[in-house]
Amino acid sequence: MRRLAITAVLAVLVLGAAALAAFKMRHLLPPEIADILRPSDITEIRARITGPLTEALAAQGLKFGAPIFIRVFKEEAELELWVRSGETFERFKTYPICNYSGDLGPKLAEGDRQSPEGTYSVSLGSLNPNSRFHLSFNLGFPNAFDRAHGRTGSFLMIHGNCVSVGCYAMTDRGIEEIYVLAEAALRGGQGAFFVHAFPFRMTAARMAQAEGHRWAAFWQELKVVHDAFETTRQVPRVVVEGHSYRVGGL
């Protein structure tokens, strides 16, 4: 009898481990199976985390549904989420990036498994509550700058599931918060929010280390964008002139 009990416990543990492995790898499964493994829908997620998010925002003098802004720092594997308060943005939270693909530098071509760098805009139609990577939103790569340089690629996302083949992958808990805040901002009147993806925190010291790098000139353009926000705490108006990023008014 004891042997049977031990066998039953081991069987349960094996099945549990198999189910956990299948859940973590659900992005590789056929859609009909992945859908079964998806733990919850967006309605349940909203109901579960809107209250805690509202309280956390209020503790910092911020409002749920206010416009947001996102900055990604590839080398540090961090995503900052900023929320507008009055005329400027305040940093609400910094999330760890679970995974990204490739090296420092921009995405160049479809299939190069490289996470993009640059400035991107996300509208409500770019949000996907039915993603096979838990939740996701499309960055809109290639943007005008990328197209001017002949870069190709599609479906570059920020999503959950901690697995990247070119995207920025978050923990499921992290993407739930980011997604719900993004959705609330867009439904609250923000036409689109911006995502600025940088190779690293663009301090003078780090830029000096990058001198002579293949992408040093490109990163110098991104630093102008980076510094404009650092100075004003307002999202700069970034335009593409020819093959270059330019900050409006500079």
C-alpha atoms as a PDB file:
ATOM      1  CA  MET A   1       0.000   0.000   0.000  1.00  0.00           C
ATOM      2  CA  ARG A   2       2.821   2.384   0.901  1.00  0.00           C
ATOM      3  CA  ARG A   3       4.519   1.627  -2.412  1.00  0.00           C
ATOM      4  CA  LEU A   4       1.309   2.438  -4.266  1.00  0.00           C
ATOM      5  CA  ALA A   5       0.974   5.742  -2.412  1.00  0.00           C
ATOM      6  CA  ILE A   6       4.545   6.701  -3.256  1.00  0.00           C
ATOM      7  CA  THR A   7       3.971   5.761  -6.901  1.00  0.00           C
ATOM      8  CA  ALA A   8       0.828   7.902  -7.008  1.00  0.00           C
ATOM      9  CA  VAL A   9       2.649  10.908  -5.527  1.00  0.00           C
ATOM     10  CA  LEU A  10       5.483  10.534  -8.041  1.00  0.00           C
ATOM     11  CA  ALA A  11       2.984  10.308 -10.888  1.00  0.00           C
ATOM     12  CA  VAL A  12       1.307  13.534  -9.756  1.00  0.00           C
ATOM     13  CA  LEU A  13       4.680  15.280  -9.541  1.00  0.00           C
ATOM     14  CA  VAL A  14       5.681  14.104 -13.014  1.00  0.00           C
ATOM     15  CA  LEU A  15       2.370  15.221 -14.487  1.00  0.00           C
ATOM     16  CA  GLY A  16       2.662  18.565 -12.736  1.00  0.00           C
ATOM     17  CA  ALA A  17       6.182  19.102 -14.075  1.00  0.00           C
ATOM     18  CA  ALA A  18       5.026  18.176 -17.571  1.00  0.00           C
ATOM     19  CA  ALA A  19       2.110  20.587 -17.374  1.00  0.00           C
ATOM     20  CA  LEU A  20       4.413  23.388 -16.166  1.00  0.00           C
ATOM     21  CA  ALA A  21       6.855  22.708 -18.994  1.00  0.00           C
ATOM     22  CA  ALA A  22       4.026  22.728 -21.534  1.00  0.00           C
ATOM     23  CA  PHE A  23       2.731  26.030 -20.151  1.00  0.00           C
ATOM     24  CA  LYS A  24       6.150  27.678 -20.372  1.00  0.00           C
ATOM     25  CA  MET A  25       6.612  26.453 -23.945  1.00  0.00           C
ATOM     26  CA  ARG A  26       3.036  27.162 -25.055  1.00  0.00           C
ATOM     27  CA  HIS A  27       4.253  29.613 -27.730  1.00  0.00           C
ATOM     28  CA  LEU A  28       5.665  26.605 -29.621  1.00  0.00           C
ATOM     29  CA  LEU A  29       2.441  24.616 -29.477  1.00  0.00           C
ATOM     30  CA  PRO A  30      -0.399  24.571 -32.008  1.00  0.00           C
ATOM     31  CA  PRO A  31      -2.898  27.374 -31.325  1.00  0.00           C
ATOM     32  CA  GLU A  32      -5.681  25.016 -30.325  1.00  0.00           C
ATOM     33  CA  ILE A  33      -3.481  23.529 -27.578  1.00  0.00           C
ATOM     34  CA  ALA A  34      -1.904  26.840 -26.560  1.00  0.00           C
ATOM     35  CA  ASP A  35      -5.369  28.303 -26.075  1.00  0.00           C
ATOM     36  CA  ILE A  36      -6.230  25.554 -23.598  1.00  0.00           C
ATOM     37  CA  LEU A  37      -3.061  26.255 -21.617  1.00  0.00           C
ATOM     38  CA  ARG A  38      -3.666  29.999 -21.448  1.00  0.00           C
ATOM     39  CA  PRO A  39      -4.436  30.570 -17.742  1.00  0.00           C
ATOM     40  CA  SER A  40      -6.763  33.551 -17.937  1.00  0.00           C
ATOM     41  CA  ASP A  41      -8.336  36.109 -20.233  1.00  0.00           C
ATOM     42  CA  ILE A  42      -7.915  39.864 -20.249  1.00  0.00           C
ATOM     43  CA  THR A  43     -11.181  40.376 -18.357  1.00  0.00           C
ATOM     44  CA  GLU A  44      -9.884  38.322 -15.450  1.00  0.00           C
ATOM     45  CA  ILE A  45      -6.500  40.065 -15.570  1.00  0.00           C
ATOM     46  CA  ARG A  46      -8.089  43.522 -15.509  1.00  0.00           C
ATOM     47  CA  ALA A  47     -10.305  42.564 -12.573  1.00  0.00           C
ATOM     48  CA  ARG A  48      -7.352  41.163 -10.650  1.00  0.00           C
ATOM     49  CA  ILE A  49      -4.793  43.934 -11.036  1.00  0.00           C
ATOM     50  CA  THR A  50      -6.631  47.202 -11.756  1.00  0.00           C
ATOM     51  CA  GLY A  51      -7.286  47.803  -8.043  1.00  0.00           C
ATOM     52  CA  PRO A  52      -3.693  47.220  -6.895  1.00  0.00           C
ATOM     53  CA  LEU A  53      -2.347  49.267  -9.808  1.00  0.00           C
ATOM     54  CA  THR A  54      -4.696  52.149  -9.009  1.00  0.00           C
ATOM     55  CA  GLU A  55      -3.540  52.120  -5.389  1.00  0.00           C
ATOM     56  CA  ALA A  56       0.153  51.955  -6.341  1.00  0.00           C
ATOM     57  CA  LEU A  57      -0.258  54.850  -8.755  1.00  0.00           C
ATOM     58  CA  ALA A  58      -2.166  56.930  -6.205  1.00  0.00           C
ATOM     59  CA  ALA A  59       0.632  56.386  -3.676  1.00  0.00           C
ATOM     60  CA  GLN A  60       2.910  58.226  -6.122  1.00  0.00           C
ATOM     61  CA  GLY A  61       0.368  60.919  -6.938  1.00  0.00           C
ATOM     62  CA  LEU A  62      -0.457  59.340 -10.295  1.00  0.00           C
ATOM     63  CA  LYS A  63      -3.737  58.354 -11.908  1.00  0.00           C
ATOM     64  CA  PHE A  64      -4.840  55.100 -13.518  1.00  0.00           C
ATOM     65  CA  GLY A  65      -5.732  55.813 -17.151  1.00  0.00           C
ATOM     66  CA  ALA A  66      -3.358  58.764 -17.526  1.00  0.00           C
ATOM     67  CA  PRO A  67      -1.059  58.837 -20.597  1.00  0.00           C
ATOM     68  CA  ILE A  68       2.031  56.631 -20.419  1.00  0.00           C
ATOM     69  CA  PHE A  69       5.506  56.514 -21.938  1.00  0.00           C
ATOM     70  CA  ILE A  70       7.898  53.549 -22.083  1.00  0.00           C
ATOM     71  CA  ARG A  71      11.680  53.423 -22.265  1.00  0.00           C
ATOM     72  CA  VAL A  72      13.622  50.212 -22.891  1.00  0.00           C
ATOM     73  CA  PHE A  73      17.298  49.791 -22.012  1.00  0.00           C
ATOM     74  CA  LYS A  74      18.655  46.701 -23.691  1.00  0.00           C
ATOM     75  CA  GLU A  75      22.030  46.276 -21.965  1.00  0.00           C
ATOM     76  CA  GLU A  76      20.535  46.739 -18.497  1.00  0.00           C
ATOM     77  CA  ALA A  77      17.491  44.588 -19.414  1.00  0.00           C
ATOM     78  CA  GLU A  78      15.099  47.155 -17.951  1.00  0.00           C
ATOM     79  CA  LEU A  79      11.799  48.652 -19.058  1.00  0.00           C
ATOM     80  CA  GLU A  80      10.681  51.923 -17.492  1.00  0.00           C
ATOM     81  CA  LEU A  81       7.015  52.857 -17.448  1.00  0.00           C
ATOM     82  CA  TRP A  82       6.289  56.566 -17.004  1.00  0.00           C
ATOM     83  CA  VAL A  83       2.896  58.151 -16.316  1.00  0.00           C
ATOM     84  CA  ARG A  84       1.959  61.736 -17.078  1.00  0.00           C
ATOM     85  CA  SER A  85       1.275  64.034 -14.151  1.00  0.00           C
ATOM     86  CA  GLY A  86       0.368  67.544 -15.263  1.00  0.00           C
ATOM     87  CA  GLU A  87       2.737  68.639 -18.018  1.00  0.00           C
ATOM     88  CA  THR A  88       5.499  66.124 -17.306  1.00  0.00           C
ATOM     89  CA  PHE A  89       5.947  62.392 -16.857  1.00  0.00           C
ATOM     90  CA  GLU A  90       6.847  60.629 -13.616  1.00  0.00           C
ATOM     91  CA  ARG A  91       8.450  57.218 -13.484  1.00  0.00           C
ATOM     92  CA  PHE A  92       5.980  54.740 -12.048  1.00  0.00           C
ATOM     93  CA  LYS A  93       7.958  51.531 -12.154  1.00  0.00           C
ATOM     94  CA  THR A  94      10.986  49.800 -13.671  1.00  0.00           C
ATOM     95  CA  TYR A  95      10.363  46.232 -14.857  1.00  0.00           C
ATOM     96  CA  PRO A  96      13.038  43.602 -15.541  1.00  0.00           C
ATOM     97  CA  ILE A  97      13.176  42.423 -19.129  1.00  0.00           C
ATOM     98  CA  CYS A  98      13.195  38.639 -18.999  1.00  0.00           C
ATOM     99  CA  ASN A  99      14.810  38.188 -22.399  1.00  0.00           C
ATOM    100  CA  TYR A 100      15.679  39.928 -25.636  1.00  0.00           C
ATOM    101  CA  SER A 101      17.369  38.770 -28.818  1.00  0.00           C
ATOM    102  CA  GLY A 102      20.698  39.528 -30.426  1.00  0.00           C
ATOM    103  CA  ASP A 103      23.326  42.068 -29.505  1.00  0.00           C
ATOM    104  CA  LEU A 104      23.496  45.816 -28.947  1.00  0.00           C
ATOM    105  CA  GLY A 105      22.481  47.566 -32.152  1.00  0.00           C
ATOM    106  CA  PRO A 106      19.386  47.917 -34.324  1.00  0.00           C
ATOM    107  CA  LYS A 107      17.357  45.242 -36.049  1.00  0.00           C
ATOM    108  CA  LEU A 108      18.349  45.043 -39.713  1.00  0.00           C
ATOM    109  CA  ALA A 109      16.435  42.253 -41.424  1.00  0.00           C
ATOM    110  CA  GLU A 110      13.588  39.789 -41.059  1.00  0.00           C
ATOM    111  CA  GLY A 111      14.830  36.682 -39.313  1.00  0.00           C
ATOM    112  CA  ASP A 112      18.016  38.167 -37.821  1.00  0.00           C
ATOM    113  CA  ARG A 113      16.676  37.537 -34.310  1.00  0.00           C
ATOM    114  CA  GLN A 114      17.629  41.040 -33.233  1.00  0.00           C
ATOM    115  CA  SER A 115      15.539  43.208 -30.919  1.00  0.00           C
ATOM    116  CA  PRO A 116      14.998  46.711 -32.349  1.00  0.00           C
ATOM    117  CA  GLU A 117      16.325  50.050 -31.152  1.00  0.00           C
ATOM    118  CA  GLY A 118      14.670  53.359 -31.970  1.00  0.00           C
ATOM    119  CA  THR A 119      11.441  55.256 -31.355  1.00  0.00           C
ATOM    120  CA  TYR A 120       8.105  53.541 -31.866  1.00  0.00           C
ATOM    121  CA  SER A 121       4.424  54.383 -31.469  1.00  0.00           C
ATOM    122  CA  VAL A 122       1.746  52.033 -30.157  1.00  0.00           C
ATOM    123  CA  SER A 123      -1.986  52.551 -30.704  1.00  0.00           C
ATOM    124  CA  LEU A 124      -4.960  50.616 -29.355  1.00  0.00           C
ATOM    125  CA  GLY A 125      -5.104  48.396 -32.434  1.00  0.00           C
ATOM    126  CA  SER A 126      -1.559  47.199 -31.726  1.00  0.00           C
ATOM    127  CA  LEU A 127      -2.567  45.559 -28.424  1.00  0.00           C
ATOM    128  CA  ASN A 128      -3.191  41.824 -28.497  1.00  0.00           C
ATOM    129  CA  PRO A 129      -5.013  40.315 -25.493  1.00  0.00           C
ATOM    130  CA  ASN A 130      -5.042  36.889 -27.200  1.00  0.00           C
ATOM    131  CA  SER A 131      -1.303  36.568 -27.712  1.00  0.00           C
ATOM    132  CA  ARG A 132       0.348  33.168 -27.549  1.00  0.00           C
ATOM    133  CA  PHE A 133       2.930  34.982 -25.431  1.00  0.00           C
ATOM    134  CA  HIS A 134       0.319  35.756 -22.744  1.00  0.00           C
ATOM    135  CA  LEU A 135      -0.264  39.447 -23.656  1.00  0.00           C
ATOM    136  CA  SER A 136       1.533  41.605 -26.205  1.00  0.00           C
ATOM    137  CA  PHE A 137       1.633  44.823 -28.161  1.00  0.00           C
ATOM    138  CA  ASN A 138       3.241  45.478 -31.523  1.00  0.00           C
ATOM    139  CA  LEU A 139       5.976  48.125 -31.622  1.00  0.00           C
ATOM    140  CA  GLY A 140       5.280  48.966 -35.260  1.00  0.00           C
ATOM    141  CA  PHE A 141       8.675  47.969 -36.647  1.00  0.00           C
ATOM    142  CA  PRO A 142       9.812  49.030 -39.180  1.00  0.00           C
ATOM    143  CA  ASN A 143       9.178  52.730 -38.516  1.00  0.00           C
ATOM    144  CA  ALA A 144       9.995  55.527 -40.985  1.00  0.00           C
ATOM    145  CA  PHE A 145      13.671  55.543 -39.927  1.00  0.00           C
ATOM    146  CA  ASP A 146      13.968  51.774 -40.331  1.00  0.00           C
ATOM    147  CA  ARG A 147      12.326  51.878 -43.758  1.00  0.00           C
ATOM    148  CA  ALA A 148      14.639  54.690 -44.866  1.00  0.00           C
ATOM    149  CA  HIS A 149      17.543  52.348 -44.112  1.00  0.00           C
ATOM    150  CA  GLY A 150      15.960  49.397 -45.898  1.00  0.00           C
ATOM    151  CA  ARG A 151      15.411  47.412 -42.728  1.00  0.00           C
ATOM    152  CA  THR A 152      12.844  44.640 -42.719  1.00  0.00           C
ATOM    153  CA  GLY A 153      10.952  42.745 -40.062  1.00  0.00           C
ATOM    154  CA  SER A 154       7.481  42.264 -38.664  1.00  0.00           C
ATOM    155  CA  PHE A 155       5.587  41.523 -35.475  1.00  0.00           C
ATOM    156  CA  LEU A 156       8.239  42.919 -33.152  1.00  0.00           C
ATOM    157  CA  MET A 157       6.538  42.961 -29.776  1.00  0.00           C
ATOM    158  CA  ILE A 158       6.794  43.548 -26.097  1.00  0.00           C
ATOM    159  CA  HIS A 159       5.136  40.473 -24.615  1.00  0.00           C
ATOM    160  CA  GLY A 160       5.154  37.948 -21.800  1.00  0.00           C
ATOM    161  CA  ASN A 161       6.318  34.338 -21.496  1.00  0.00           C
ATOM    162  CA  CYS A 162      10.022  35.241 -21.065  1.00  0.00           C
ATOM    163  CA  VAL A 163      10.943  33.912 -24.537  1.00  0.00           C
ATOM    164  CA  SER A 164      12.343  36.117 -27.320  1.00  0.00           C
ATOM    165  CA  VAL A 165      12.960  35.556 -31.018  1.00  0.00           C
ATOM    166  CA  GLY A 166      13.415  39.261 -31.741  1.00  0.00           C
ATOM    167  CA  CYS A 167      11.036  40.820 -29.235  1.00  0.00           C
ATOM    168  CA  TYR A 168      11.393  42.170 -25.710  1.00  0.00           C
ATOM    169  CA  ALA A 169      10.009  39.483 -23.416  1.00  0.00           C
ATOM    170  CA  MET A 170       8.713  40.256 -19.941  1.00  0.00           C
ATOM    171  CA  THR A 171       7.501  38.080 -17.100  1.00  0.00           C
ATOM    172  CA  ASP A 172       3.790  37.349 -17.369  1.00  0.00           C
ATOM    173  CA  ARG A 173       3.149  39.398 -14.239  1.00  0.00           C
ATOM    174  CA  GLY A 174       5.131  42.286 -15.671  1.00  0.00           C
ATOM    175  CA  ILE A 175       3.353  42.311 -19.024  1.00  0.00           C
ATOM    176  CA  GLU A 176      -0.013  42.132 -17.280  1.00  0.00           C
ATOM    177  CA  GLU A 177       0.679  45.403 -15.464  1.00  0.00           C
ATOM    178  CA  ILE A 178       2.205  47.093 -18.511  1.00  0.00           C
ATOM    179  CA  TYR A 179      -0.606  45.945 -20.801  1.00  0.00           C
ATOM    180  CA  VAL A 180      -3.420  47.018 -18.459  1.00  0.00           C
ATOM    181  CA  LEU A 181      -1.814  50.436 -17.932  1.00  0.00           C
ATOM    182  CA  ALA A 182      -1.308  50.859 -21.682  1.00  0.00           C
ATOM    183  CA  GLU A 183      -4.868  49.816 -22.459  1.00  0.00           C
ATOM    184  CA  ALA A 184      -6.297  52.169 -19.818  1.00  0.00           C
ATOM    185  CA  ALA A 185      -4.262  55.089 -21.172  1.00  0.00           C
ATOM    186  CA  LEU A 186      -5.319  54.444 -24.764  1.00  0.00           C
ATOM    187  CA  ARG A 187      -8.967  53.973 -23.825  1.00  0.00           C
ATOM    188  CA  GLY A 188      -8.728  57.077 -21.665  1.00  0.00           C
ATOM    189  CA  GLY A 189      -7.901  59.321 -24.604  1.00  0.00           C
ATOM    190  CA  GLN A 190      -4.206  58.919 -25.382  1.00  0.00           C
ATOM    191  CA  GLY A 191      -4.135  58.376 -29.134  1.00  0.00           C
ATOM    192  CA  ALA A 192      -0.886  56.421 -29.008  1.00  0.00           C
ATOM    193  CA  PHE A 193       1.991  56.015 -26.583  1.00  0.00           C
ATOM    194  CA  PHE A 194       5.659  56.042 -27.459  1.00  0.00           C
ATOM    195  CA  VAL A 195       8.280  53.396 -26.785  1.00  0.00           C
ATOM    196  CA  HIS A 196      11.907  54.519 -26.966  1.00  0.00           C
ATOM    197  CA  ALA A 197      14.268  51.542 -27.148  1.00  0.00           C
ATOM    198  CA  PHE A 198      17.901  52.307 -26.343  1.00  0.00           C
ATOM    199  CA  PRO A 199      20.968  50.056 -26.420  1.00  0.00           C
ATOM    200  CA  PHE A 200      21.991  51.128 -22.902  1.00  0.00           C
ATOM    201  CA  ARG A 201      21.602  53.981 -20.437  1.00  0.00           C
ATOM    202  CA  MET A 202      23.077  56.794 -22.470  1.00  0.00           C
ATOM    203  CA  THR A 203      25.350  58.443 -19.941  1.00  0.00           C
ATOM    204  CA  ALA A 204      28.414  60.354 -21.079  1.00  0.00           C
ATOM    205  CA  ALA A 205      30.657  57.629 -19.683  1.00  0.00           C
ATOM    206  CA  ARG A 206      28.818  54.828 -21.496  1.00  0.00           C
ATOM    207  CA  MET A 207      28.765  56.796 -24.752  1.00  0.00           C
ATOM    208  CA  ALA A 208      32.525  57.289 -24.439  1.00  0.00           C
ATOM    209  CA  GLN A 209      32.932  53.520 -24.149  1.00  0.00           C
ATOM    210  CA  ALA A 210      30.960  53.133 -27.378  1.00  0.00           C
ATOM    211  CA  GLU A 211      33.262  55.401 -29.427  1.00  0.00           C
ATOM    212  CA  GLY A 212      34.448  53.560 -32.509  1.00  0.00           C
ATOM    213  CA  HIS A 213      31.622  51.043 -32.350  1.00  0.00           C
ATOM    214  CA  ARG A 214      29.881  50.179 -35.602  1.00  0.00           C
ATOM    215  CA  TRP A 215      26.676  51.842 -34.347  1.00  0.00           C
ATOM    216  CA  ALA A 216      28.217  54.830 -32.546  1.00  0.00           C
ATOM    217  CA  ALA A 217      26.764  57.412 -34.971  1.00  0.00           C
ATOM    218  CA  PHE A 218      23.295  55.866 -34.752  1.00  0.00           C
ATOM    219  CA  TRP A 219      23.483  55.815 -30.978  1.00  0.00           C
ATOM    220  CA  GLN A 220      24.475  59.473 -30.965  1.00  0.00           C
ATOM    221  CA  GLU A 221      21.165  60.248 -32.692  1.00  0.00           C
ATOM    222  CA  LEU A 222      19.328  58.216 -30.054  1.00  0.00           C
ATOM    223  CA  LYS A 223      21.193  60.048 -27.306  1.00  0.00           C
ATOM    224  CA  VAL A 224      19.715  63.346 -28.484  1.00  0.00           C
ATOM    225  CA  VAL A 225      16.256  61.775 -28.127  1.00  0.00           C
ATOM    226  CA  HIS A 226      17.193  60.313 -24.747  1.00  0.00           C
ATOM    227  CA  ASP A 227      18.584  63.586 -23.397  1.00  0.00           C
ATOM    228  CA  ALA A 228      15.583  65.609 -24.568  1.00  0.00           C
ATOM    229  CA  PHE A 229      13.347  63.572 -22.273  1.00  0.00           C
ATOM    230  CA  GLU A 230      15.887  63.560 -19.449  1.00  0.00           C
ATOM    231  CA  THR A 231      15.965  67.360 -19.538  1.00  0.00           C
ATOM    232  CA  THR A 232      12.258  68.143 -19.806  1.00  0.00           C
ATOM    233  CA  ARG A 233      10.428  64.985 -18.644  1.00  0.00           C
ATOM    234  CA  GLN A 234       8.238  65.535 -21.698  1.00  0.00           C
ATOM    235  CA  VAL A 235       8.174  63.053 -24.572  1.00  0.00           C
ATOM    236  CA  PRO A 236      10.042  64.796 -27.401  1.00  0.00           C
ATOM    237  CA  ARG A 237       8.606  65.154 -30.881  1.00  0.00           C
ATOM    238  CA  VAL A 238      10.885  62.919 -32.935  1.00  0.00           C
ATOM    239  CA  VAL A 239      10.900  63.171 -36.720  1.00  0.00           C
ATOM    240  CA  VAL A 240      12.832  61.392 -39.446  1.00  0.00           C
ATOM    241  CA  GLU A 241      14.672  63.674 -41.832  1.00  0.00           C
ATOM    242  CA  GLY A 242      16.301  61.784 -44.661  1.00  0.00           C
ATOM    243  CA  HIS A 243      18.064  58.924 -42.901  1.00  0.00           C
ATOM    244  CA  SER A 244      18.302  60.512 -39.457  1.00  0.00           C
ATOM    245  CA  TYR A 245      16.325  60.977 -36.265  1.00  0.00           C
ATOM    246  CA  ARG A 246      15.769  64.597 -35.299  1.00  0.00           C
ATOM    247  CA  VAL A 247      14.115  66.078 -32.226  1.00  0.00           C
ATOM    248  CA  GLY A 248      11.647  68.817 -33.149  1.00  0.00           C
ATOM    249  CA  GLY A 249      12.877  72.242 -32.114  1.00  0.00           C
ATOM    250  CA  LEU A 250      16.532  71.185 -31.901  1.00  0.00           C
END
